[in-house]
Amino acid sequence: MSVEIQYVVVRDGVEKMTFASKKEADAYDKMLDLADNLGEWLKMSPLDIEDDTIETLSFYLAEHKDSLSQLLRGGSLASIKSTEENKKSEKKVKVAIDNAA
């Protein structure tokens, strides 16, 4: 018999995601907080956007906050793309290493 510790992110009584590490759970919870704040901010805009679209857009922006931050600081789209490609390849390597272990 083994004992596993799981960290569960719960929002409004709904289980959103389960993680093996507290660090990952905290990062996801923080991203959800950012998505909520972005959603409220988008609702204040004069644009006529449906709630589903606002939720999807705010979640996307929160997931890609580093790229968005670079763009807002005047970074080029090309530099953002290369950064995202590097992150994807690093993630693939990490998954391959984790699967091999």
PDB file of N, CA and C in Angstrom:
ATOM      1  N   MET A   1       0.851  -1.179   0.000  1.00  0.00           N
ATOM      2  CA  MET A   1       0.000   0.000   0.000  1.00  0.00           C
ATOM      3  C   MET A   1       0.893   1.237   0.000  1.00  0.00           C
ATOM      4  N   SER A   2       0.505   2.216  -0.777  1.00  0.00           N
ATOM      5  CA  SER A   2       1.268   3.461  -0.832  1.00  0.00           C
ATOM      6  C   SER A   2       0.379   4.629  -0.425  1.00  0.00           C
ATOM      7  N   VAL A   3       1.034   5.662   0.018  1.00  0.00           N
ATOM      8  CA  VAL A   3       0.338   6.887   0.410  1.00  0.00           C
ATOM      9  C   VAL A   3       0.715   7.968  -0.583  1.00  0.00           C
ATOM     10  N   GLU A   4      -0.289   8.624  -1.143  1.00  0.00           N
ATOM     11  CA  GLU A   4      -0.056   9.710  -2.092  1.00  0.00           C
ATOM     12  C   GLU A   4      -0.666  10.985  -1.540  1.00  0.00           C
ATOM     13  N   ILE A   5       0.089  12.047  -1.655  1.00  0.00           N
ATOM     14  CA  ILE A   5      -0.417  13.361  -1.265  1.00  0.00           C
ATOM     15  C   ILE A   5      -0.839  14.081  -2.539  1.00  0.00           C
ATOM     16  N   GLN A   6      -2.056  14.605  -2.527  1.00  0.00           N
ATOM     17  CA  GLN A   6      -2.557  15.348  -3.674  1.00  0.00           C
ATOM     18  C   GLN A   6      -3.016  16.723  -3.206  1.00  0.00           C
ATOM     19  N   TYR A   7      -2.748  17.697  -4.034  1.00  0.00           N
ATOM     20  CA  TYR A   7      -3.163  19.068  -3.757  1.00  0.00           C
ATOM     21  C   TYR A   7      -4.272  19.412  -4.740  1.00  0.00           C
ATOM     22  N   VAL A   8      -5.421  19.780  -4.213  1.00  0.00           N
ATOM     23  CA  VAL A   8      -6.599  20.031  -5.036  1.00  0.00           C
ATOM     24  C   VAL A   8      -6.924  21.520  -5.007  1.00  0.00           C
ATOM     25  N   VAL A   9      -7.100  22.097  -6.193  1.00  0.00           N
ATOM     26  CA  VAL A   9      -7.512  23.492  -6.304  1.00  0.00           C
ATOM     27  C   VAL A   9      -9.037  23.500  -6.410  1.00  0.00           C
ATOM     28  N   VAL A  10      -9.681  24.168  -5.451  1.00  0.00           N
ATOM     29  CA  VAL A  10     -11.141  24.230  -5.393  1.00  0.00           C
ATOM     30  C   VAL A  10     -11.567  25.688  -5.496  1.00  0.00           C
ATOM     31  N   ARG A  11     -12.521  25.953  -6.377  1.00  0.00           N
ATOM     32  CA  ARG A  11     -13.085  27.297  -6.544  1.00  0.00           C
ATOM     33  C   ARG A  11     -14.594  27.224  -6.420  1.00  0.00           C
ATOM     34  N   ASP A  12     -15.160  28.003  -5.535  1.00  0.00           N
ATOM     35  CA  ASP A  12     -16.613  28.050  -5.329  1.00  0.00           C
ATOM     36  C   ASP A  12     -17.200  26.657  -5.127  1.00  0.00           C
ATOM     37  N   GLY A  13     -16.487  25.817  -4.377  1.00  0.00           N
ATOM     38  CA  GLY A  13     -16.961  24.473  -4.090  1.00  0.00           C
ATOM     39  C   GLY A  13     -16.776  23.474  -5.218  1.00  0.00           C
ATOM     40  N   VAL A  14     -16.138  23.898  -6.305  1.00  0.00           N
ATOM     41  CA  VAL A  14     -15.926  23.025  -7.460  1.00  0.00           C
ATOM     42  C   VAL A  14     -14.444  22.688  -7.571  1.00  0.00           C
ATOM     43  N   GLU A  15     -14.159  21.389  -7.678  1.00  0.00           N
ATOM     44  CA  GLU A  15     -12.774  20.943  -7.833  1.00  0.00           C
ATOM     45  C   GLU A  15     -12.307  21.271  -9.250  1.00  0.00           C
ATOM     46  N   LYS A  16     -11.265  22.090  -9.347  1.00  0.00           N
ATOM     47  CA  LYS A  16     -10.778  22.533 -10.653  1.00  0.00           C
ATOM     48  C   LYS A  16      -9.665  21.646 -11.193  1.00  0.00           C
ATOM     49  N   MET A  17      -8.692  21.312 -10.332  1.00  0.00           N
ATOM     50  CA  MET A  17      -7.548  20.544 -10.803  1.00  0.00           C
ATOM     51  C   MET A  17      -6.850  19.921  -9.600  1.00  0.00           C
ATOM     52  N   THR A  18      -6.204  18.780  -9.837  1.00  0.00           N
ATOM     53  CA  THR A  18      -5.448  18.091  -8.796  1.00  0.00           C
ATOM     54  C   THR A  18      -3.987  18.019  -9.205  1.00  0.00           C
ATOM     55  N   PHE A  19      -3.098  18.278  -8.251  1.00  0.00           N
ATOM     56  CA  PHE A  19      -1.661  18.296  -8.526  1.00  0.00           C
ATOM     57  C   PHE A  19      -0.923  17.427  -7.523  1.00  0.00           C
ATOM     58  N   ALA A  20       0.267  16.998  -7.915  1.00  0.00           N
ATOM     59  CA  ALA A  20       1.113  16.191  -7.035  1.00  0.00           C
ATOM     60  C   ALA A  20       1.984  17.070  -6.144  1.00  0.00           C
ATOM     61  N   SER A  21       2.173  18.333  -6.528  1.00  0.00           N
ATOM     62  CA  SER A  21       3.019  19.216  -5.718  1.00  0.00           C
ATOM     63  C   SER A  21       2.263  20.489  -5.330  1.00  0.00           C
ATOM     64  N   LYS A  22       2.591  20.984  -4.157  1.00  0.00           N
ATOM     65  CA  LYS A  22       1.969  22.215  -3.663  1.00  0.00           C
ATOM     66  C   LYS A  22       2.339  23.401  -4.547  1.00  0.00           C
ATOM     67  N   LYS A  23       3.567  23.412  -5.036  1.00  0.00           N
ATOM     68  CA  LYS A  23       4.043  24.509  -5.882  1.00  0.00           C
ATOM     69  C   LYS A  23       3.186  24.626  -7.148  1.00  0.00           C
ATOM     70  N   GLU A  24       2.901  23.494  -7.795  1.00  0.00           N
ATOM     71  CA  GLU A  24       2.070  23.512  -9.003  1.00  0.00           C
ATOM     72  C   GLU A  24       0.643  23.948  -8.684  1.00  0.00           C
ATOM     73  N   ALA A  25       0.103  23.470  -7.568  1.00  0.00           N
ATOM     74  CA  ALA A  25      -1.257  23.845  -7.172  1.00  0.00           C
ATOM     75  C   ALA A  25      -1.351  25.338  -6.881  1.00  0.00           C
ATOM     76  N   ASP A  26      -0.358  25.867  -6.181  1.00  0.00           N
ATOM     77  CA  ASP A  26      -0.342  27.302  -5.881  1.00  0.00           C
ATOM     78  C   ASP A  26      -0.230  28.141  -7.151  1.00  0.00           C
ATOM     79  N   ALA A  27       0.609  27.695  -8.091  1.00  0.00           N
ATOM     80  CA  ALA A  27       0.769  28.425  -9.355  1.00  0.00           C
ATOM     81  C   ALA A  27      -0.541  28.430 -10.140  1.00  0.00           C
ATOM     82  N   TYR A  28      -1.246  27.302 -10.163  1.00  0.00           N
ATOM     83  CA  TYR A  28      -2.518  27.220 -10.880  1.00  0.00           C
ATOM     84  C   TYR A  28      -3.568  28.102 -10.207  1.00  0.00           C
ATOM     85  N   ASP A  29      -3.598  28.091  -8.875  1.00  0.00           N
ATOM     86  CA  ASP A  29      -4.540  28.925  -8.132  1.00  0.00           C
ATOM     87  C   ASP A  29      -4.279  30.405  -8.403  1.00  0.00           C
ATOM     88  N   LYS A  30      -3.011  30.771  -8.446  1.00  0.00           N
ATOM     89  CA  LYS A  30      -2.639  32.159  -8.739  1.00  0.00           C
ATOM     90  C   LYS A  30      -3.066  32.542 -10.159  1.00  0.00           C
ATOM     91  N   MET A  31      -2.915  31.606 -11.104  1.00  0.00           N
ATOM     92  CA  MET A  31      -3.329  31.864 -12.483  1.00  0.00           C
ATOM     93  C   MET A  31      -4.846  32.048 -12.556  1.00  0.00           C
ATOM     94  N   LEU A  32      -5.597  31.256 -11.781  1.00  0.00           N
ATOM     95  CA  LEU A  32      -7.053  31.416 -11.751  1.00  0.00           C
ATOM     96  C   LEU A  32      -7.449  32.766 -11.158  1.00  0.00           C
ATOM     97  N   ASP A  33      -6.720  33.223 -10.129  1.00  0.00           N
ATOM     98  CA  ASP A  33      -6.972  34.555  -9.560  1.00  0.00           C
ATOM     99  C   ASP A  33      -6.770  35.635 -10.619  1.00  0.00           C
ATOM    100  N   LEU A  34      -5.686  35.508 -11.369  1.00  0.00           N
ATOM    101  CA  LEU A  34      -5.405  36.476 -12.430  1.00  0.00           C
ATOM    102  C   LEU A  34      -6.500  36.441 -13.490  1.00  0.00           C
ATOM    103  N   ALA A  35      -6.939  35.248 -13.872  1.00  0.00           N
ATOM    104  CA  ALA A  35      -8.009  35.118 -14.866  1.00  0.00           C
ATOM    105  C   ALA A  35      -9.292  35.785 -14.365  1.00  0.00           C
ATOM    106  N   ASP A  36      -9.611  35.602 -13.089  1.00  0.00           N
ATOM    107  CA  ASP A  36     -10.799  36.253 -12.511  1.00  0.00           C
ATOM    108  C   ASP A  36     -10.681  37.773 -12.587  1.00  0.00           C
ATOM    109  N   ASN A  37      -9.514  38.292 -12.219  1.00  0.00           N
ATOM    110  CA  ASN A  37      -9.295  39.744 -12.261  1.00  0.00           C
ATOM    111  C   ASN A  37      -9.359  40.276 -13.686  1.00  0.00           C
ATOM    112  N   LEU A  38      -8.764  39.555 -14.618  1.00  0.00           N
ATOM    113  CA  LEU A  38      -8.823  39.974 -16.023  1.00  0.00           C
ATOM    114  C   LEU A  38     -10.257  39.947 -16.536  1.00  0.00           C
ATOM    115  N   GLY A  39     -11.022  38.946 -16.129  1.00  0.00           N
ATOM    116  CA  GLY A  39     -12.424  38.855 -16.542  1.00  0.00           C
ATOM    117  C   GLY A  39     -13.233  40.044 -16.054  1.00  0.00           C
ATOM    118  N   GLU A  40     -13.034  40.419 -14.794  1.00  0.00           N
ATOM    119  CA  GLU A  40     -13.732  41.589 -14.247  1.00  0.00           C
ATOM    120  C   GLU A  40     -13.320  42.861 -14.976  1.00  0.00           C
ATOM    121  N   TRP A  41     -12.045  42.962 -15.286  1.00  0.00           N
ATOM    122  CA  TRP A  41     -11.532  44.128 -16.005  1.00  0.00           C
ATOM    123  C   TRP A  41     -12.131  44.200 -17.413  1.00  0.00           C
ATOM    124  N   LEU A  42     -12.212  43.058 -18.097  1.00  0.00           N
ATOM    125  CA  LEU A  42     -12.789  43.037 -19.445  1.00  0.00           C
ATOM    126  C   LEU A  42     -14.276  43.394 -19.421  1.00  0.00           C
ATOM    127  N   LYS A  43     -14.983  43.015 -18.365  1.00  0.00           N
ATOM    128  CA  LYS A  43     -16.408  43.348 -18.252  1.00  0.00           C
ATOM    129  C   LYS A  43     -16.622  44.852 -18.115  1.00  0.00           C
ATOM    130  N   MET A  44     -15.617  45.561 -17.591  1.00  0.00           N
ATOM    131  CA  MET A  44     -15.720  47.016 -17.432  1.00  0.00           C
ATOM    132  C   MET A  44     -15.470  47.752 -18.750  1.00  0.00           C
ATOM    133  N   SER A  45     -14.988  47.057 -19.759  1.00  0.00           N
ATOM    134  CA  SER A  45     -14.664  47.710 -21.028  1.00  0.00           C
ATOM    135  C   SER A  45     -15.948  48.067 -21.777  1.00  0.00           C
ATOM    136  N   PRO A  46     -15.858  49.024 -22.697  1.00  0.00           N
ATOM    137  CA  PRO A  46     -17.038  49.409 -23.469  1.00  0.00           C
ATOM    138  C   PRO A  46     -17.390  48.395 -24.563  1.00  0.00           C
ATOM    139  N   LEU A  47     -16.585  47.359 -24.707  1.00  0.00           N
ATOM    140  CA  LEU A  47     -16.830  46.350 -25.731  1.00  0.00           C
ATOM    141  C   LEU A  47     -18.007  45.459 -25.339  1.00  0.00           C
ATOM    142  N   ASP A  48     -18.761  45.025 -26.341  1.00  0.00           N
ATOM    143  CA  ASP A  48     -19.888  44.128 -26.097  1.00  0.00           C
ATOM    144  C   ASP A  48     -19.397  42.692 -26.294  1.00  0.00           C
ATOM    145  N   ILE A  49     -18.927  42.083 -25.197  1.00  0.00           N
ATOM    146  CA  ILE A  49     -18.362  40.736 -25.256  1.00  0.00           C
ATOM    147  C   ILE A  49     -19.220  39.818 -24.393  1.00  0.00           C
ATOM    148  N   GLU A  50     -19.559  38.652 -24.937  1.00  0.00           N
ATOM    149  CA  GLU A  50     -20.355  37.687 -24.185  1.00  0.00           C
ATOM    150  C   GLU A  50     -19.536  37.115 -23.030  1.00  0.00           C
ATOM    151  N   ASP A  51     -20.224  36.694 -21.975  1.00  0.00           N
ATOM    152  CA  ASP A  51     -19.552  36.189 -20.780  1.00  0.00           C
ATOM    153  C   ASP A  51     -18.656  34.986 -21.070  1.00  0.00           C
ATOM    154  N   ASP A  52     -19.108  34.075 -21.941  1.00  0.00           N
ATOM    155  CA  ASP A  52     -18.284  32.906 -22.284  1.00  0.00           C
ATOM    156  C   ASP A  52     -16.984  33.330 -22.949  1.00  0.00           C
ATOM    157  N   THR A  53     -17.069  34.318 -23.817  1.00  0.00           N
ATOM    158  CA  THR A  53     -15.883  34.816 -24.511  1.00  0.00           C
ATOM    159  C   THR A  53     -14.944  35.505 -23.529  1.00  0.00           C
ATOM    160  N   ILE A  54     -15.507  36.268 -22.610  1.00  0.00           N
ATOM    161  CA  ILE A  54     -14.690  36.936 -21.591  1.00  0.00           C
ATOM    162  C   ILE A  54     -13.953  35.901 -20.750  1.00  0.00           C
ATOM    163  N   GLU A  55     -14.653  34.854 -20.347  1.00  0.00           N
ATOM    164  CA  GLU A  55     -14.034  33.808 -19.532  1.00  0.00           C
ATOM    165  C   GLU A  55     -12.901  33.118 -20.292  1.00  0.00           C
ATOM    166  N   THR A  56     -13.150  32.775 -21.544  1.00  0.00           N
ATOM    167  CA  THR A  56     -12.131  32.116 -22.363  1.00  0.00           C
ATOM    168  C   THR A  56     -10.935  33.026 -22.588  1.00  0.00           C
ATOM    169  N   LEU A  57     -11.194  34.278 -22.916  1.00  0.00           N
ATOM    170  CA  LEU A  57     -10.122  35.240 -23.176  1.00  0.00           C
ATOM    171  C   LEU A  57      -9.302  35.515 -21.917  1.00  0.00           C
ATOM    172  N   SER A  58      -9.970  35.710 -20.795  1.00  0.00           N
ATOM    173  CA  SER A  58      -9.236  36.002 -19.558  1.00  0.00           C
ATOM    174  C   SER A  58      -8.393  34.809 -19.122  1.00  0.00           C
ATOM    175  N   PHE A  59      -8.890  33.594 -19.317  1.00  0.00           N
ATOM    176  CA  PHE A  59      -8.119  32.397 -18.988  1.00  0.00           C
ATOM    177  C   PHE A  59      -6.899  32.285 -19.903  1.00  0.00           C
ATOM    178  N   TYR A  60      -7.092  32.559 -21.193  1.00  0.00           N
ATOM    179  CA  TYR A  60      -5.977  32.512 -22.147  1.00  0.00           C
ATOM    180  C   TYR A  60      -4.909  33.548 -21.785  1.00  0.00           C
ATOM    181  N   LEU A  61      -5.336  34.760 -21.492  1.00  0.00           N
ATOM    182  CA  LEU A  61      -4.383  35.817 -21.137  1.00  0.00           C
ATOM    183  C   LEU A  61      -3.631  35.477 -19.852  1.00  0.00           C
ATOM    184  N   ALA A  62      -4.331  34.900 -18.880  1.00  0.00           N
ATOM    185  CA  ALA A  62      -3.674  34.516 -17.626  1.00  0.00           C
ATOM    186  C   ALA A  62      -2.668  33.392 -17.852  1.00  0.00           C
ATOM    187  N   GLU A  63      -3.027  32.432 -18.705  1.00  0.00           N
ATOM    188  CA  GLU A  63      -2.109  31.328 -19.017  1.00  0.00           C
ATOM    189  C   GLU A  63      -0.844  31.822 -19.706  1.00  0.00           C
ATOM    190  N   HIS A  64      -0.983  32.876 -20.499  1.00  0.00           N
ATOM    191  CA  HIS A  64       0.133  33.408 -21.281  1.00  0.00           C
ATOM    192  C   HIS A  64       0.593  34.766 -20.754  1.00  0.00           C
ATOM    193  N   LYS A  65       0.541  34.938 -19.439  1.00  0.00           N
ATOM    194  CA  LYS A  65       0.851  36.235 -18.831  1.00  0.00           C
ATOM    195  C   LYS A  65       2.271  36.697 -19.122  1.00  0.00           C
ATOM    196  N   ASP A  66       3.227  35.771 -19.202  1.00  0.00           N
ATOM    197  CA  ASP A  66       4.612  36.169 -19.465  1.00  0.00           C
ATOM    198  C   ASP A  66       4.747  36.765 -20.866  1.00  0.00           C
ATOM    199  N   SER A  67       4.127  36.124 -21.850  1.00  0.00           N
ATOM    200  CA  SER A  67       4.166  36.639 -23.220  1.00  0.00           C
ATOM    201  C   SER A  67       3.434  37.970 -23.316  1.00  0.00           C
ATOM    202  N   LEU A  68       2.284  38.055 -22.664  1.00  0.00           N
ATOM    203  CA  LEU A  68       1.512  39.299 -22.670  1.00  0.00           C
ATOM    204  C   LEU A  68       2.320  40.427 -22.043  1.00  0.00           C
ATOM    205  N   SER A  69       2.989  40.128 -20.954  1.00  0.00           N
ATOM    206  CA  SER A  69       3.818  41.125 -20.278  1.00  0.00           C
ATOM    207  C   SER A  69       4.937  41.621 -21.192  1.00  0.00           C
ATOM    208  N   GLN A  70       5.570  40.700 -21.916  1.00  0.00           N
ATOM    209  CA  GLN A  70       6.627  41.093 -22.857  1.00  0.00           C
ATOM    210  C   GLN A  70       6.069  41.997 -23.953  1.00  0.00           C
ATOM    211  N   LEU A  71       4.911  41.642 -24.489  1.00  0.00           N
ATOM    212  CA  LEU A  71       4.302  42.467 -25.535  1.00  0.00           C
ATOM    213  C   LEU A  71       3.945  43.853 -25.010  1.00  0.00           C
ATOM    214  N   LEU A  72       3.411  43.923 -23.799  1.00  0.00           N
ATOM    215  CA  LEU A  72       3.034  45.213 -23.222  1.00  0.00           C
ATOM    216  C   LEU A  72       4.244  46.093 -22.932  1.00  0.00           C
ATOM    217  N   ARG A  73       5.404  45.459 -22.748  1.00  0.00           N
ATOM    218  CA  ARG A  73       6.637  46.217 -22.528  1.00  0.00           C
ATOM    219  C   ARG A  73       7.336  46.560 -23.840  1.00  0.00           C
ATOM    220  N   GLY A  74       6.686  46.277 -24.964  1.00  0.00           N
ATOM    221  CA  GLY A  74       7.244  46.656 -26.257  1.00  0.00           C
ATOM    222  C   GLY A  74       8.022  45.560 -26.957  1.00  0.00           C
ATOM    223  N   GLY A  75       7.959  44.334 -26.456  1.00  0.00           N
ATOM    224  CA  GLY A  75       8.649  43.216 -27.097  1.00  0.00           C
ATOM    225  C   GLY A  75       8.003  42.877 -28.428  1.00  0.00           C
ATOM    226  N   SER A  76       8.782  42.255 -29.293  1.00  0.00           N
ATOM    227  CA  SER A  76       8.256  41.892 -30.610  1.00  0.00           C
ATOM    228  C   SER A  76       7.563  40.535 -30.549  1.00  0.00           C
ATOM    229  N   LEU A  77       6.667  40.317 -31.481  1.00  0.00           N
ATOM    230  CA  LEU A  77       5.955  39.050 -31.563  1.00  0.00           C
ATOM    231  C   LEU A  77       6.919  37.910 -31.878  1.00  0.00           C
ATOM    232  N   ALA A  78       7.954  38.194 -32.671  1.00  0.00           N
ATOM    233  CA  ALA A  78       8.945  37.168 -33.016  1.00  0.00           C
ATOM    234  C   ALA A  78       9.681  36.681 -31.768  1.00  0.00           C
ATOM    235  N   SER A  79      10.033  37.599 -30.872  1.00  0.00           N
ATOM    236  CA  SER A  79      10.736  37.191 -29.648  1.00  0.00           C
ATOM    237  C   SER A  79       9.818  36.381 -28.741  1.00  0.00           C
ATOM    238  N   ILE A  80       8.536  36.702 -28.751  1.00  0.00           N
ATOM    239  CA  ILE A  80       7.554  35.960 -27.955  1.00  0.00           C
ATOM    240  C   ILE A  80       7.436  34.540 -28.489  1.00  0.00           C
ATOM    241  N   LYS A  81       7.351  34.406 -29.817  1.00  0.00           N
ATOM    242  CA  LYS A  81       7.215  33.082 -30.429  1.00  0.00           C
ATOM    243  C   LYS A  81       8.417  32.205 -30.112  1.00  0.00           C
ATOM    244  N   SER A  82       9.623  32.758 -30.185  1.00  0.00           N
ATOM    245  CA  SER A  82      10.814  31.949 -29.906  1.00  0.00           C
ATOM    246  C   SER A  82      10.861  31.544 -28.438  1.00  0.00           C
ATOM    247  N   THR A  83      10.427  32.424 -27.546  1.00  0.00           N
ATOM    248  CA  THR A  83      10.389  32.101 -26.119  1.00  0.00           C
ATOM    249  C   THR A  83       9.396  30.977 -25.853  1.00  0.00           C
ATOM    250  N   GLU A  84       8.216  31.043 -26.486  1.00  0.00           N
ATOM    251  CA  GLU A  84       7.199  30.006 -26.291  1.00  0.00           C
ATOM    252  C   GLU A  84       7.661  28.671 -26.866  1.00  0.00           C
ATOM    253  N   GLU A  85       8.363  28.699 -28.008  1.00  0.00           N
ATOM    254  CA  GLU A  85       8.872  27.462 -28.594  1.00  0.00           C
ATOM    255  C   GLU A  85       9.912  26.825 -27.683  1.00  0.00           C
ATOM    256  N   ASN A  86      10.762  27.643 -27.059  1.00  0.00           N
ATOM    257  CA  ASN A  86      11.757  27.120 -26.121  1.00  0.00           C
ATOM    258  C   ASN A  86      11.080  26.475 -24.915  1.00  0.00           C
ATOM    259  N   LYS A  87      10.014  27.105 -24.413  1.00  0.00           N
ATOM    260  CA  LYS A  87       9.300  26.548 -23.263  1.00  0.00           C
ATOM    261  C   LYS A  87       8.655  25.217 -23.628  1.00  0.00           C
ATOM    262  N   LYS A  88       8.090  25.125 -24.851  1.00  0.00           N
ATOM    263  CA  LYS A  88       7.462  23.879 -25.282  1.00  0.00           C
ATOM    264  C   LYS A  88       8.485  22.758 -25.372  1.00  0.00           C
ATOM    265  N   SER A  89       9.660  23.050 -25.933  1.00  0.00           N
ATOM    266  CA  SER A  89      10.676  22.004 -26.062  1.00  0.00           C
ATOM    267  C   SER A  89      11.209  21.601 -24.690  1.00  0.00           C
ATOM    268  N   GLU A  90      11.353  22.559 -23.755  1.00  0.00           N
ATOM    269  CA  GLU A  90      11.782  22.231 -22.394  1.00  0.00           C
ATOM    270  C   GLU A  90      10.749  21.347 -21.710  1.00  0.00           C
ATOM    271  N   LYS A  91       9.471  21.637 -21.947  1.00  0.00           N
ATOM    272  CA  LYS A  91       8.400  20.857 -21.341  1.00  0.00           C
ATOM    273  C   LYS A  91       8.414  19.426 -21.882  1.00  0.00           C
ATOM    274  N   LYS A  92       8.637  19.277 -23.201  1.00  0.00           N
ATOM    275  CA  LYS A  92       8.693  17.947 -23.801  1.00  0.00           C
ATOM    276  C   LYS A  92       9.847  17.146 -23.218  1.00  0.00           C
ATOM    277  N   VAL A  93      10.985  17.781 -23.015  1.00  0.00           N
ATOM    278  CA  VAL A  93      12.144  17.102 -22.432  1.00  0.00           C
ATOM    279  C   VAL A  93      11.827  16.674 -21.008  1.00  0.00           C
ATOM    280  N   LYS A  94      11.185  17.556 -20.231  1.00  0.00           N
ATOM    281  CA  LYS A  94      10.842  17.229 -18.845  1.00  0.00           C
ATOM    282  C   LYS A  94       9.876  16.053 -18.797  1.00  0.00           C
ATOM    283  N   VAL A  95       8.877  16.041 -19.679  1.00  0.00           N
ATOM    284  CA  VAL A  95       7.912  14.943 -19.717  1.00  0.00           C
ATOM    285  C   VAL A  95       8.619  13.644 -20.083  1.00  0.00           C
ATOM    286  N   ALA A  96       9.523  13.706 -21.052  1.00  0.00           N
ATOM    287  CA  ALA A  96      10.259  12.510 -21.458  1.00  0.00           C
ATOM    288  C   ALA A  96      11.110  11.980 -20.307  1.00  0.00           C
ATOM    289  N   ILE A  97      11.738  12.876 -19.565  1.00  0.00           N
ATOM    290  CA  ILE A  97      12.556  12.469 -18.420  1.00  0.00           C
ATOM    291  C   ILE A  97      11.671  11.870 -17.329  1.00  0.00           C
ATOM    292  N   ASP A  98      10.536  12.514 -17.054  1.00  0.00           N
ATOM    293  CA  ASP A  98       9.622  12.008 -16.030  1.00  0.00           C
ATOM    294  C   ASP A  98       9.079  10.629 -16.405  1.00  0.00           C
ATOM    295  N   ASN A  99       8.766  10.445 -17.687  1.00  0.00           N
ATOM    296  CA  ASN A  99       8.236   9.161 -18.142  1.00  0.00           C
ATOM    297  C   ASN A  99       9.290   8.066 -18.094  1.00  0.00           C
ATOM    298  N   ALA A 100      10.544   8.433 -18.295  1.00  0.00           N
ATOM    299  CA  ALA A 100      11.630   7.451 -18.278  1.00  0.00           C
ATOM    300  C   ALA A 100      11.947   6.993 -16.859  1.00  0.00           C
ATOM    301  N   ALA A 101      11.642   7.839 -15.890  1.00  0.00           N
ATOM    302  CA  ALA A 101      11.979   7.519 -14.485  1.00  0.00           C
ATOM    303  C   ALA A 101      11.074   6.483 -13.879  1.00  0.00           C
TER     304      ALA A 101
END
